[in-house]
Protein backbone atom coordinates (compact mmCIF):
# COMPACT_ATOMS: atom_id res chain seq x y z
CA MET A 1 12.55 90.67 -8.29
CA LYS A 2 9.52 89.21 -7.91
CA ALA A 3 6.72 89.78 -10.30
CA GLU A 4 4.82 92.67 -7.79
CA ASP A 5 8.27 94.37 -7.30
CA PHE A 6 8.65 94.14 -11.24
CA SER A 7 5.74 96.38 -11.83
CA LYS A 8 6.15 98.69 -9.41
CA SER A 9 9.56 99.79 -10.05
CA ILE A 10 8.34 100.47 -14.11
CA ASP A 11 5.39 102.78 -12.62
CA ARG A 12 7.90 104.83 -11.12
CA GLY A 13 10.95 104.76 -13.63
CA ASP A 14 13.01 102.58 -11.97
CA ILE A 15 14.10 100.81 -15.02
CA GLY A 16 17.41 99.28 -15.75
CA PRO A 17 19.24 98.20 -19.06
CA LEU A 18 18.88 94.33 -18.81
CA TYR A 19 15.59 91.94 -17.96
CA PHE A 20 15.07 88.43 -18.18
CA LEU A 21 11.33 88.19 -17.63
CA TYR A 22 10.32 84.32 -17.76
CA GLY A 23 7.72 81.80 -16.20
CA ASP A 24 5.07 79.17 -17.13
CA GLU A 25 2.63 82.22 -17.47
CA SER A 26 3.37 83.40 -20.99
CA TYR A 27 0.30 86.06 -20.75
CA LEU A 28 1.94 88.01 -18.08
CA VAL A 29 5.76 87.76 -19.80
CA ALA A 30 4.35 88.99 -22.86
CA ARG A 31 2.69 91.80 -20.97
CA ALA A 32 5.63 92.60 -18.75
CA ALA A 33 7.67 93.10 -21.70
CA LYS A 34 4.73 95.39 -23.43
CA LEU A 35 5.05 97.42 -20.02
CA VAL A 36 8.81 97.83 -20.17
CA LEU A 37 8.31 99.15 -24.08
CA ASP A 38 5.32 101.22 -23.46
CA ARG A 39 7.23 102.99 -20.75
CA LEU A 40 10.40 104.03 -22.87
CA VAL A 41 9.43 104.10 -26.39
CA PRO A 42 6.58 105.95 -28.00
CA SER A 43 4.62 103.99 -31.13
CA ASN A 44 6.01 106.43 -33.39
CA MET A 45 9.44 106.11 -32.80
CA ARG A 46 9.54 102.17 -32.58
CA ASP A 47 10.69 101.53 -36.48
CA PHE A 48 13.69 103.14 -35.27
CA ASN A 49 13.85 102.27 -31.33
CA LEU A 50 12.76 99.15 -31.29
CA ASN A 51 14.74 95.65 -32.31
CA VAL A 52 13.10 92.24 -31.79
CA TYR A 53 14.76 88.77 -32.40
CA TYR A 54 14.01 85.32 -31.53
CA GLY A 55 16.53 82.78 -29.39
CA ASN A 56 16.24 79.89 -32.34
CA GLU A 57 16.58 82.03 -35.01
CA SER A 58 19.80 84.79 -34.19
CA SER A 59 22.86 85.24 -32.71
CA GLY A 60 24.25 86.66 -29.49
CA GLU A 61 26.36 89.06 -31.78
CA GLU A 62 23.53 90.12 -33.98
CA ILE A 63 21.61 91.01 -30.62
CA ALA A 64 25.00 92.45 -28.93
CA ALA A 65 25.11 94.58 -32.00
CA ALA A 66 21.51 96.10 -31.84
CA SER A 67 21.67 96.78 -28.25
CA GLN A 68 25.07 99.16 -28.80
CA THR A 69 23.47 101.20 -31.55
CA LEU A 70 22.40 104.27 -30.12
CA PRO A 71 18.60 105.33 -30.13
CA MET A 72 17.63 107.58 -32.88
CA PHE A 73 15.70 111.09 -31.75
CA ALA A 74 14.96 109.39 -28.25
CA GLU A 75 16.42 108.74 -25.07
CA TRP A 76 15.99 105.07 -25.23
CA ARG A 77 16.42 102.02 -27.59
CA VAL A 78 14.25 98.35 -26.19
CA VAL A 79 15.62 95.20 -27.66
CA GLN A 80 13.71 92.32 -27.06
CA VAL A 81 14.70 88.76 -27.61
CA LYS A 82 11.46 86.36 -27.91
CA ASN A 83 12.06 82.47 -26.92
CA ALA A 84 15.29 83.54 -25.80
CA ASP A 85 15.54 79.91 -23.39
CA LYS A 86 16.55 78.80 -26.64
CA LEU A 87 19.36 80.60 -27.47
CA SER A 88 22.43 78.63 -28.19
CA ALA A 89 25.21 78.30 -25.53
CA ALA A 90 27.50 80.02 -28.14
CA SER A 91 25.17 82.77 -28.18
CA LEU A 92 24.98 83.22 -24.79
CA GLU A 93 28.64 83.04 -24.50
CA MET A 94 28.94 85.75 -27.02
CA LEU A 95 26.37 88.13 -24.83
CA ILE A 96 28.30 88.00 -21.42
CA PRO A 97 30.49 90.79 -22.59
CA TYR A 98 27.72 92.69 -23.09
CA VAL A 99 25.76 91.99 -19.69
CA GLN A 100 28.94 92.72 -18.26
CA ASP A 101 29.00 96.48 -19.69
CA PRO A 102 25.28 97.05 -20.72
CA SER A 103 24.67 100.25 -22.78
CA PRO A 104 22.79 102.98 -20.46
CA SER A 105 20.55 104.23 -23.36
CA THR A 106 19.13 100.56 -24.50
CA CYS A 107 17.16 98.32 -22.76
CA LEU A 108 17.91 94.35 -23.44
CA VAL A 109 14.80 92.21 -22.33
CA PHE A 110 14.93 88.38 -22.68
CA LEU A 111 11.48 86.84 -22.65
CA GLY A 112 11.38 83.08 -22.00
CA GLU A 113 9.68 80.25 -20.38
CA LYS A 114 12.84 78.65 -18.26
CA VAL A 115 15.71 80.22 -17.24
CA ASP A 116 19.26 77.40 -16.30
CA GLN A 117 20.97 79.87 -13.26
CA ARG A 118 23.98 77.33 -13.00
CA LYS A 119 25.00 78.81 -16.09
CA LYS A 120 28.09 81.63 -16.44
CA PHE A 121 25.60 83.63 -18.51
CA PHE A 122 23.03 83.93 -15.63
CA SER A 123 25.37 84.30 -12.64
CA GLU A 124 27.18 87.62 -14.95
CA PHE A 125 23.82 88.57 -16.08
CA LYS A 126 21.95 89.29 -12.15
CA LYS A 127 25.16 91.62 -11.40
CA LYS A 128 23.54 94.20 -13.59
CA GLY A 129 20.48 92.82 -14.94
CA ARG A 130 17.38 91.83 -13.05
CA LEU A 131 15.63 88.04 -13.71
CA VAL A 132 11.76 88.15 -13.03
CA GLU A 133 9.50 85.06 -12.97
CA PHE A 134 5.86 84.98 -13.62
CA ARG A 135 4.31 82.04 -12.54
CA ARG A 136 0.76 80.80 -13.46
CA LEU A 137 -1.64 82.01 -11.14
CA TYR A 138 -3.75 79.53 -8.97
CA GLU A 139 -7.33 79.48 -8.62
CA ASN A 140 -7.71 81.58 -5.48
CA GLN A 141 -5.50 84.31 -7.49
CA LEU A 142 -7.80 84.81 -10.60
CA GLN A 143 -10.69 86.23 -9.16
CA PRO A 144 -8.69 89.36 -7.70
CA PHE A 145 -6.85 89.26 -10.86
CA LEU A 146 -9.73 90.01 -12.72
CA ARG A 147 -10.63 92.44 -10.36
CA ASN A 148 -7.41 94.64 -10.65
CA GLU A 149 -8.32 94.56 -14.21
CA ALA A 150 -11.74 95.47 -13.86
CA ALA A 151 -10.28 98.35 -11.92
CA PHE A 152 -7.71 99.29 -14.84
CA HIS A 153 -11.17 99.81 -16.97
CA GLY A 154 -12.38 101.76 -14.29
CA LYS A 155 -14.94 99.14 -13.49
CA ARG A 156 -15.79 97.14 -10.34
CA LEU A 157 -16.66 93.86 -11.01
CA GLN A 158 -19.47 91.88 -9.23
CA PRO A 159 -18.03 88.44 -7.39
CA ALA A 160 -20.77 86.64 -9.54
CA ALA A 161 -19.40 87.77 -12.48
CA ALA A 162 -15.69 87.25 -11.84
CA GLU A 163 -16.90 83.54 -10.77
CA LEU A 164 -18.63 82.99 -13.90
CA LEU A 165 -16.24 84.46 -16.17
CA VAL A 166 -13.65 82.08 -14.43
CA ASN A 167 -16.33 79.52 -14.76
CA LEU A 168 -15.94 80.08 -18.88
CA CYS A 169 -12.40 80.67 -19.50
CA GLY A 170 -10.50 78.73 -16.73
CA ASN A 171 -6.89 79.83 -16.07
CA ASN A 172 -6.68 80.79 -19.39
CA LEU A 173 -5.18 84.63 -18.48
CA GLN A 174 -5.12 85.75 -22.51
CA GLU A 175 -8.71 84.88 -22.70
CA LEU A 176 -9.96 85.62 -19.37
CA VAL A 177 -8.41 89.63 -20.28
CA SER A 178 -10.12 89.58 -23.83
CA GLN A 179 -13.23 88.66 -22.14
CA LEU A 180 -13.17 91.55 -19.63
CA GLY A 181 -12.25 93.81 -22.23
CA LYS A 182 -15.10 92.94 -24.38
CA THR A 183 -17.40 93.21 -21.16
CA ALA A 184 -16.30 96.41 -19.87
CA LEU A 185 -16.72 98.06 -23.12
CA HIS A 186 -20.60 97.13 -23.07
CA ALA A 187 -21.16 98.25 -19.35
CA GLY A 188 -20.47 101.54 -20.87
CA ASN A 189 -20.92 104.21 -18.59
CA ARG A 190 -21.97 102.20 -15.90
CA ASP A 191 -19.42 101.66 -12.97
CA THR A 192 -19.92 98.57 -12.38
CA ILE A 193 -19.88 94.64 -14.72
CA ASP A 194 -22.22 92.31 -13.50
CA LEU A 195 -23.78 89.09 -14.52
CA ALA A 196 -25.75 90.23 -17.16
CA ASP A 197 -22.98 91.79 -19.00
CA ILE A 198 -20.94 88.66 -19.06
CA LYS A 199 -23.77 86.56 -20.81
CA ALA A 200 -24.38 89.51 -22.98
CA VAL A 201 -20.71 89.13 -24.25
CA VAL A 202 -19.64 85.50 -24.17
CA SER A 203 -22.35 84.44 -26.42
CA GLU A 204 -25.26 82.64 -25.20
CA THR A 205 -24.88 79.40 -26.26
CA ARG A 206 -21.06 79.14 -25.04
CA VAL A 207 -22.35 79.85 -21.75
CA ASP A 208 -24.86 77.91 -21.96
CA SER A 209 -22.91 74.85 -23.40
CA VAL A 210 -20.10 74.85 -20.98
CA PHE A 211 -22.51 75.39 -17.77
CA GLU A 212 -24.40 72.52 -19.11
CA LEU A 213 -21.44 70.41 -19.92
CA ALA A 214 -20.36 70.75 -16.21
CA ASN A 215 -23.42 70.52 -14.87
CA SER A 216 -23.85 67.48 -16.69
CA LEU A 217 -20.91 65.81 -15.87
CA GLY A 218 -21.58 66.89 -12.04
CA GLU A 219 -25.31 65.00 -12.16
CA LYS A 220 -23.78 62.17 -14.24
CA ASN A 221 -25.86 62.59 -16.94
CA ILE A 222 -23.67 61.23 -20.05
CA SER A 223 -26.35 61.68 -22.89
CA LYS A 224 -26.78 65.42 -22.35
CA ALA A 225 -22.64 65.51 -21.31
CA LEU A 226 -22.03 64.25 -24.72
CA ARG A 227 -24.24 66.52 -26.61
CA ASN A 228 -22.76 69.46 -24.94
CA LEU A 229 -19.52 67.98 -25.53
CA HIS A 230 -19.83 68.11 -29.49
CA ALA A 231 -21.66 71.59 -29.38
CA LEU A 232 -18.94 72.90 -28.13
CA LEU A 233 -15.90 71.29 -29.87
CA GLY A 234 -18.29 71.77 -32.95
CA ASP A 235 -18.45 75.77 -32.51
CA GLY A 236 -14.46 75.67 -32.34
CA GLU A 237 -14.12 75.24 -28.46
CA ALA A 238 -10.31 74.16 -27.95
CA PRO A 239 -9.92 70.96 -26.27
CA LEU A 240 -7.38 72.12 -23.68
CA LEU A 241 -9.54 75.19 -22.37
CA LEU A 242 -12.58 72.65 -22.11
CA LEU A 243 -10.76 71.06 -19.67
CA ALA A 244 -9.42 73.52 -17.68
CA VAL A 245 -13.05 74.66 -17.48
CA LEU A 246 -13.85 70.94 -16.05
CA SER A 247 -10.81 70.22 -13.87
CA ARG A 248 -11.96 73.62 -12.16
CA HIS A 249 -15.51 72.64 -11.80
CA PHE A 250 -14.51 68.95 -10.22
CA ARG A 251 -12.07 70.87 -7.54
CA GLN A 252 -15.20 72.73 -6.34
CA ILE A 253 -16.99 69.35 -6.12
CA TRP A 254 -14.32 67.64 -4.90
CA ARG A 255 -13.53 70.34 -1.71
CA VAL A 256 -17.19 70.71 -1.23
CA ARG A 257 -17.60 66.98 -1.00
CA GLU A 258 -14.58 66.57 2.19
CA LEU A 259 -16.57 69.28 3.77
CA LEU A 260 -20.05 67.51 3.44
CA GLU A 261 -18.20 64.51 4.81
CA ASN A 262 -16.67 66.16 7.74
CA LYS A 263 -20.84 68.16 8.40
CA MET A 264 -19.25 71.36 7.62
CA PRO A 265 -22.67 73.28 7.73
CA VAL A 266 -24.01 74.66 4.57
CA GLN A 267 -23.64 78.24 5.06
CA ASN A 268 -19.91 77.86 5.55
CA ILE A 269 -19.28 75.86 2.71
CA GLY A 270 -19.55 78.33 0.06
CA LYS A 271 -17.34 80.69 2.13
CA ILE A 272 -14.58 78.19 2.94
CA VAL A 273 -14.40 76.92 -0.66
CA GLY A 274 -14.81 80.65 -2.25
CA ILE A 275 -17.92 79.97 -4.58
CA ASN A 276 -20.71 82.43 -4.98
CA PRO A 277 -23.99 81.66 -3.27
CA TYR A 278 -25.41 81.64 -7.08
CA PHE A 279 -23.60 78.76 -7.43
CA LEU A 280 -23.66 77.04 -4.60
CA GLN A 281 -26.61 74.90 -4.34
CA GLY A 282 -26.08 72.90 -7.79
CA ILE A 283 -22.64 71.84 -6.74
CA ILE A 284 -23.43 70.72 -3.33
CA ARG A 285 -26.21 68.57 -5.45
CA GLN A 286 -23.40 67.08 -7.76
CA ALA A 287 -20.86 66.78 -4.70
CA LYS A 288 -23.42 64.10 -3.31
CA ASN A 289 -22.58 62.30 -6.63
CA TYR A 290 -19.14 61.50 -6.31
CA ALA A 291 -17.36 59.76 -3.19
CA VAL A 292 -14.10 61.18 -2.35
CA PRO A 293 -12.19 58.17 -3.97
CA GLU A 294 -14.10 58.59 -7.09
CA LEU A 295 -13.15 62.14 -7.19
CA LYS A 296 -9.18 61.20 -6.71
CA GLY A 297 -9.68 58.93 -10.11
CA VAL A 298 -11.45 61.88 -11.69
CA PHE A 299 -8.25 64.01 -11.71
CA GLU A 300 -5.66 61.13 -12.51
CA LYS A 301 -8.14 60.97 -15.63
CA PHE A 302 -8.11 64.56 -16.00
CA PHE A 303 -4.10 64.52 -16.01
CA ASN A 304 -3.87 61.60 -18.31
CA LEU A 305 -6.10 63.08 -20.83
CA ASP A 306 -3.99 66.35 -20.42
CA LEU A 307 -1.13 64.42 -21.77
CA ALA A 308 -2.93 62.95 -24.46
CA LEU A 309 -4.31 66.25 -25.75
CA LYS A 310 -0.69 67.57 -25.81
CA SER A 311 1.23 65.02 -27.27
CA GLY A 312 -1.24 63.94 -29.69
CA GLY A 313 -2.35 60.63 -28.56
CA GLY A 314 -5.48 60.64 -29.85
CA LYS A 315 -8.26 62.03 -31.83
CA PRO A 316 -9.28 65.18 -28.90
CA ALA A 317 -12.98 64.21 -29.38
CA LEU A 318 -12.61 60.42 -28.76
CA LEU A 319 -10.43 61.01 -25.77
CA LEU A 320 -12.42 63.53 -24.46
CA GLU A 321 -15.84 61.27 -24.76
CA LYS A 322 -13.88 58.29 -22.68
CA VAL A 323 -13.71 60.39 -19.84
CA LEU A 324 -16.75 61.97 -19.89
CA MET A 325 -18.47 58.34 -19.77
CA ASP A 326 -15.63 57.20 -17.34
CA LEU A 327 -17.14 60.44 -15.20
CA CYS A 328 -20.48 59.22 -15.69
CA ASP A 329 -20.46 55.74 -14.67
CA LYS A 330 -23.27 54.83 -12.45
CA SER A 331 -21.73 52.22 -11.18
CA ARG A 332 -19.38 53.89 -8.97
CA GLY A 333 -21.10 54.13 -5.26
CA THR A 334 -20.89 57.38 -4.12
CA GLY A 335 -20.65 56.42 -0.12
């Protein structure tokens, strides 16, 4: 089942007894599980009708026993198994009889990152249950996602405001949704969220520093870039979030640079790349500082930095400083 079909089926009350929600976008997986829970078990009944287990801590026998327990004073019991991809082979084997004949009054929901559909458990699961994958959103899906979230709050999100929010938070959906929710509250009775709302909610220091960091790199201004970096890290910004923001900024620079080399009229560049006119001229100026081969090298550096940050391959501040100095090396020609 596709993610969009899952949401529609839950909305219309078409709910099955078995779900395995998985994928590399953990926020969407967790939100899907919450959607099922909110639909089936009122908050005041969850002490009686909600069981939560963890795949790396629980056995198949425990999970099956809870799933076979009738709900109390309600129509449904929900059993959630988090980190389900860490269930042992023995636990999966023990759960096969249950997934072959699930209780009609229990919704058993597995949450994980990966599944191995070659295993017998999954071949049996798919006969009665629904496998739903939630993939990380592509960059061109982030702004439509935010517009839908804004509509949920009864608001319209201006394109420039959506782009500013993505520039600040990258593709971190948890952070995007959190900041959008705060902004919707700030907008009050107004039906539109604009740039001023985003700037008012996301701290002014952070807005200025994140943009200045990205722009100073685009301008190859190393002293300014290092000042911005140290300010952001000092305020507790996560290095991986900063990397996500910089990666998005340089993807735009790369695409704009290619279009400039192909003699694309400036008025068409923004539409093709999806850059709001509010930000376009600055990106064009920065794109002229980098040749296309140099930009390929930028993303090799970002890839290696991502690996080093995730593996603990050095102090994050030093790793980031090294990449910033490489990016601002003015000895590299712009072609």
